[in-house]
Structures are given as C-alpha cells and as structure tokens.
Amino acid sequence: MNKQIEAKRKEMYAVYEKDPNDPNLLIISQSLDNLLNQLDRISNKTPIQRKI
C-alpha cells in the first residue's frame, strides 16, 4: 500500500506542476486521501480487530 500511496502522490505532484488548475488534480487528491485513510484504518486496528 505504501507504494500505491507514493505513486499517487508523485502523480498528483506531476499534474500540479503541469497545471495547478487541472480538474483531474482534485480527483487524484481524493484518491490519495482514500489510500491514506485506508492505511490509517489498517494501522490503527489491534490484532484482535483484524481477526474479526
């Protein structure tokens, strides 16, 4: 998952550098947010919660 996050972050920066007003920037940013939220949920679960 960390590789996915880093790839999405690089994609977002590349789009921003080309055109900070690109409408796809919002979509990419939201996708990155979703990945980060997933990682946060996984990281904050205790071992017992993961088994459920």
PDB file of N, CA and C in Angstrom:
ATOM      1  N   MET A   1       0.824  -1.186   0.000  1.00  0.00           N
ATOM      2  CA  MET A   1       0.000   0.000   0.000  1.00  0.00           C
ATOM      3  C   MET A   1       0.874   1.258   0.000  1.00  0.00           C
ATOM      4  N   ASN A   2       1.999   1.218   0.665  1.00  0.00           N
ATOM      5  CA  ASN A   2       2.874   2.391   0.689  1.00  0.00           C
ATOM      6  C   ASN A   2       3.340   2.768  -0.710  1.00  0.00           C
ATOM      7  N   LYS A   3       3.578   1.766  -1.554  1.00  0.00           N
ATOM      8  CA  LYS A   3       3.997   2.043  -2.936  1.00  0.00           C
ATOM      9  C   LYS A   3       2.871   2.706  -3.719  1.00  0.00           C
ATOM     10  N   GLN A   4       1.643   2.273  -3.473  1.00  0.00           N
ATOM     11  CA  GLN A   4       0.487   2.886  -4.138  1.00  0.00           C
ATOM     12  C   GLN A   4       0.354   4.357  -3.720  1.00  0.00           C
ATOM     13  N   ILE A   5       0.537   4.603  -2.448  1.00  0.00           N
ATOM     14  CA  ILE A   5       0.434   5.967  -1.923  1.00  0.00           C
ATOM     15  C   ILE A   5       1.511   6.848  -2.537  1.00  0.00           C
ATOM     16  N   GLU A   6       2.727   6.344  -2.563  1.00  0.00           N
ATOM     17  CA  GLU A   6       3.823   7.135  -3.120  1.00  0.00           C
ATOM     18  C   GLU A   6       3.620   7.396  -4.610  1.00  0.00           C
ATOM     19  N   ALA A   7       3.135   6.411  -5.343  1.00  0.00           N
ATOM     20  CA  ALA A   7       2.873   6.584  -6.774  1.00  0.00           C
ATOM     21  C   ALA A   7       1.776   7.627  -7.002  1.00  0.00           C
ATOM     22  N   LYS A   8       0.732   7.566  -6.199  1.00  0.00           N
ATOM     23  CA  LYS A   8      -0.374   8.523  -6.339  1.00  0.00           C
ATOM     24  C   LYS A   8       0.096   9.932  -5.984  1.00  0.00           C
ATOM     25  N   ARG A   9       0.946  10.033  -4.969  1.00  0.00           N
ATOM     26  CA  ARG A   9       1.483  11.338  -4.567  1.00  0.00           C
ATOM     27  C   ARG A   9       2.334  11.932  -5.696  1.00  0.00           C
ATOM     28  N   LYS A  10       3.174  11.097  -6.308  1.00  0.00           N
ATOM     29  CA  LYS A  10       4.006  11.569  -7.421  1.00  0.00           C
ATOM     30  C   LYS A  10       3.135  11.994  -8.599  1.00  0.00           C
ATOM     31  N   GLU A  11       2.087  11.226  -8.867  1.00  0.00           N
ATOM     32  CA  GLU A  11       1.162  11.575  -9.940  1.00  0.00           C
ATOM     33  C   GLU A  11       0.522  12.940  -9.673  1.00  0.00           C
ATOM     34  N   MET A  12       0.105  13.142  -8.434  1.00  0.00           N
ATOM     35  CA  MET A  12      -0.534  14.401  -8.070  1.00  0.00           C
ATOM     36  C   MET A  12       0.434  15.574  -8.249  1.00  0.00           C
ATOM     37  N   TYR A  13       1.670  15.426  -7.794  1.00  0.00           N
ATOM     38  CA  TYR A  13       2.650  16.496  -7.938  1.00  0.00           C
ATOM     39  C   TYR A  13       2.941  16.788  -9.406  1.00  0.00           C
ATOM     40  N   ALA A  14       3.025  15.749 -10.227  1.00  0.00           N
ATOM     41  CA  ALA A  14       3.310  15.931 -11.652  1.00  0.00           C
ATOM     42  C   ALA A  14       2.185  16.715 -12.327  1.00  0.00           C
ATOM     43  N   VAL A  15       0.948  16.365 -12.007  1.00  0.00           N
ATOM     44  CA  VAL A  15      -0.192  17.083 -12.583  1.00  0.00           C
ATOM     45  C   VAL A  15      -0.185  18.533 -12.101  1.00  0.00           C
ATOM     46  N   TYR A  16       0.091  18.732 -10.829  1.00  0.00           N
ATOM     47  CA  TYR A  16       0.122  20.088 -10.274  1.00  0.00           C
ATOM     48  C   TYR A  16       1.192  20.947 -10.950  1.00  0.00           C
ATOM     49  N   GLU A  17       2.362  20.354 -11.178  1.00  0.00           N
ATOM     50  CA  GLU A  17       3.445  21.114 -11.798  1.00  0.00           C
ATOM     51  C   GLU A  17       3.091  21.513 -13.237  1.00  0.00           C
ATOM     52  N   LYS A  18       2.360  20.652 -13.930  1.00  0.00           N
ATOM     53  CA  LYS A  18       1.940  20.977 -15.301  1.00  0.00           C
ATOM     54  C   LYS A  18       0.875  22.073 -15.306  1.00  0.00           C
ATOM     55  N   ASP A  19      -0.137  21.896 -14.438  1.00  0.00           N
ATOM     56  CA  ASP A  19      -1.254  22.845 -14.403  1.00  0.00           C
ATOM     57  C   ASP A  19      -1.962  22.759 -13.060  1.00  0.00           C
ATOM     58  N   PRO A  20      -1.701  23.721 -12.180  1.00  0.00           N
ATOM     59  CA  PRO A  20      -2.325  23.692 -10.854  1.00  0.00           C
ATOM     60  C   PRO A  20      -3.858  23.785 -10.894  1.00  0.00           C
ATOM     61  N   ASN A  21      -4.413  24.171 -12.022  1.00  0.00           N
ATOM     62  CA  ASN A  21      -5.869  24.289 -12.155  1.00  0.00           C
ATOM     63  C   ASN A  21      -6.489  23.101 -12.878  1.00  0.00           C
ATOM     64  N   ASP A  22      -5.709  22.062 -13.122  1.00  0.00           N
ATOM     65  CA  ASP A  22      -6.218  20.869 -13.806  1.00  0.00           C
ATOM     66  C   ASP A  22      -7.339  20.250 -12.973  1.00  0.00           C
ATOM     67  N   PRO A  23      -8.512  20.035 -13.572  1.00  0.00           N
ATOM     68  CA  PRO A  23      -9.625  19.451 -12.814  1.00  0.00           C
ATOM     69  C   PRO A  23      -9.344  18.026 -12.324  1.00  0.00           C
ATOM     70  N   ASN A  24      -8.421  17.333 -12.966  1.00  0.00           N
ATOM     71  CA  ASN A  24      -8.072  15.978 -12.521  1.00  0.00           C
ATOM     72  C   ASN A  24      -7.300  15.988 -11.204  1.00  0.00           C
ATOM     73  N   LEU A  25      -6.743  17.130 -10.873  1.00  0.00           N
ATOM     74  CA  LEU A  25      -5.975  17.236  -9.629  1.00  0.00           C
ATOM     75  C   LEU A  25      -6.846  16.923  -8.415  1.00  0.00           C
ATOM     76  N   LEU A  26      -8.071  17.383  -8.422  1.00  0.00           N
ATOM     77  CA  LEU A  26      -8.987  17.107  -7.320  1.00  0.00           C
ATOM     78  C   LEU A  26      -9.272  15.605  -7.222  1.00  0.00           C
ATOM     79  N   ILE A  27      -9.492  14.963  -8.341  1.00  0.00           N
ATOM     80  CA  ILE A  27      -9.775  13.524  -8.360  1.00  0.00           C
ATOM     81  C   ILE A  27      -8.583  12.739  -7.838  1.00  0.00           C
ATOM     82  N   ILE A  28      -7.394  13.113  -8.277  1.00  0.00           N
ATOM     83  CA  ILE A  28      -6.176  12.429  -7.823  1.00  0.00           C
ATOM     84  C   ILE A  28      -5.979  12.656  -6.328  1.00  0.00           C
ATOM     85  N   SER A  29      -6.204  13.874  -5.880  1.00  0.00           N
ATOM     86  CA  SER A  29      -6.062  14.194  -4.466  1.00  0.00           C
ATOM     87  C   SER A  29      -7.034  13.385  -3.610  1.00  0.00           C
ATOM     88  N   GLN A  30      -8.267  13.256  -4.069  1.00  0.00           N
ATOM     89  CA  GLN A  30      -9.254  12.463  -3.335  1.00  0.00           C
ATOM     90  C   GLN A  30      -8.864  10.990  -3.306  1.00  0.00           C
ATOM     91  N   SER A  31      -8.310  10.514  -4.395  1.00  0.00           N
ATOM     92  CA  SER A  31      -7.855   9.129  -4.449  1.00  0.00           C
ATOM     93  C   SER A  31      -6.715   8.899  -3.457  1.00  0.00           C
ATOM     94  N   LEU A  32      -5.802   9.851  -3.391  1.00  0.00           N
ATOM     95  CA  LEU A  32      -4.702   9.776  -2.423  1.00  0.00           C
ATOM     96  C   LEU A  32      -5.250   9.801  -0.999  1.00  0.00           C
ATOM     97  N   ASP A  33      -6.208  10.672  -0.739  1.00  0.00           N
ATOM     98  CA  ASP A  33      -6.840  10.728   0.585  1.00  0.00           C
ATOM     99  C   ASP A  33      -7.453   9.379   0.955  1.00  0.00           C
ATOM    100  N   ASN A  34      -8.117   8.751   0.006  1.00  0.00           N
ATOM    101  CA  ASN A  34      -8.725   7.440   0.271  1.00  0.00           C
ATOM    102  C   ASN A  34      -7.674   6.401   0.631  1.00  0.00           C
ATOM    103  N   LEU A  35      -6.569   6.387  -0.101  1.00  0.00           N
ATOM    104  CA  LEU A  35      -5.489   5.454   0.206  1.00  0.00           C
ATOM    105  C   LEU A  35      -4.915   5.710   1.596  1.00  0.00           C
ATOM    106  N   LEU A  36      -4.707   6.982   1.918  1.00  0.00           N
ATOM    107  CA  LEU A  36      -4.169   7.332   3.235  1.00  0.00           C
ATOM    108  C   LEU A  36      -5.144   6.949   4.352  1.00  0.00           C
ATOM    109  N   ASN A  37      -6.428   7.137   4.119  1.00  0.00           N
ATOM    110  CA  ASN A  37      -7.430   6.744   5.113  1.00  0.00           C
ATOM    111  C   ASN A  37      -7.460   5.233   5.300  1.00  0.00           C
ATOM    112  N   GLN A  38      -7.333   4.494   4.215  1.00  0.00           N
ATOM    113  CA  GLN A  38      -7.289   3.029   4.316  1.00  0.00           C
ATOM    114  C   GLN A  38      -6.083   2.601   5.142  1.00  0.00           C
ATOM    115  N   LEU A  39      -4.932   3.193   4.863  1.00  0.00           N
ATOM    116  CA  LEU A  39      -3.720   2.861   5.606  1.00  0.00           C
ATOM    117  C   LEU A  39      -3.892   3.192   7.080  1.00  0.00           C
ATOM    118  N   ASP A  40      -4.511   4.319   7.360  1.00  0.00           N
ATOM    119  CA  ASP A  40      -4.744   4.722   8.745  1.00  0.00           C
ATOM    120  C   ASP A  40      -5.649   3.723   9.459  1.00  0.00           C
ATOM    121  N   ARG A  41      -6.708   3.294   8.790  1.00  0.00           N
ATOM    122  CA  ARG A  41      -7.614   2.313   9.405  1.00  0.00           C
ATOM    123  C   ARG A  41      -6.897   0.996   9.679  1.00  0.00           C
ATOM    124  N   ILE A  42      -6.081   0.563   8.746  1.00  0.00           N
ATOM    125  CA  ILE A  42      -5.335  -0.687   8.925  1.00  0.00           C
ATOM    126  C   ILE A  42      -4.327  -0.551  10.055  1.00  0.00           C
ATOM    127  N   SER A  43      -3.644   0.582  10.094  1.00  0.00           N
ATOM    128  CA  SER A  43      -2.595   0.799  11.091  1.00  0.00           C
ATOM    129  C   SER A  43      -3.141   0.920  12.504  1.00  0.00           C
ATOM    130  N   ASN A  44      -4.347   1.419  12.641  1.00  0.00           N
ATOM    131  CA  ASN A  44      -4.907   1.656  13.966  1.00  0.00           C
ATOM    132  C   ASN A  44      -5.692   0.483  14.536  1.00  0.00           C
ATOM    133  N   LYS A  45      -5.833  -0.579  13.779  1.00  0.00           N
ATOM    134  CA  LYS A  45      -6.562  -1.737  14.295  1.00  0.00           C
ATOM    135  C   LYS A  45      -5.652  -2.573  15.182  1.00  0.00           C
ATOM    136  N   THR A  46      -6.214  -3.097  16.233  1.00  0.00           N
ATOM    137  CA  THR A  46      -5.452  -4.001  17.081  1.00  0.00           C
ATOM    138  C   THR A  46      -5.494  -5.388  16.447  1.00  0.00           C
ATOM    139  N   PRO A  47      -4.608  -6.288  16.825  1.00  0.00           N
ATOM    140  CA  PRO A  47      -4.617  -7.631  16.240  1.00  0.00           C
ATOM    141  C   PRO A  47      -5.961  -8.348  16.404  1.00  0.00           C
ATOM    142  N   ILE A  48      -6.652  -8.123  17.498  1.00  0.00           N
ATOM    143  CA  ILE A  48      -7.952  -8.775  17.713  1.00  0.00           C
ATOM    144  C   ILE A  48      -8.971  -8.260  16.682  1.00  0.00           C
ATOM    145  N   GLN A  49      -8.963  -6.954  16.419  1.00  0.00           N
ATOM    146  CA  GLN A  49      -9.894  -6.377  15.454  1.00  0.00           C
ATOM    147  C   GLN A  49      -9.634  -6.894  14.047  1.00  0.00           C
ATOM    148  N   ARG A  50      -8.389  -7.167  13.715  1.00  0.00           N
ATOM    149  CA  ARG A  50      -8.061  -7.639  12.373  1.00  0.00           C
ATOM    150  C   ARG A  50      -8.615  -9.041  12.130  1.00  0.00           C
ATOM    151  N   LYS A  51      -8.771  -9.842  13.179  1.00  0.00           N
ATOM    152  CA  LYS A  51      -9.264 -11.195  13.024  1.00  0.00           C
ATOM    153  C   LYS A  51     -10.757 -11.242  12.767  1.00  0.00           C
ATOM    154  N   ILE A  52     -11.455 -10.200  13.183  1.00  0.00           N
ATOM    155  CA  ILE A  52     -12.917 -10.191  13.062  1.00  0.00           C
ATOM    156  C   ILE A  52     -13.339  -9.982  11.635  1.00  0.00           C
TER     157      ILE A  52
END
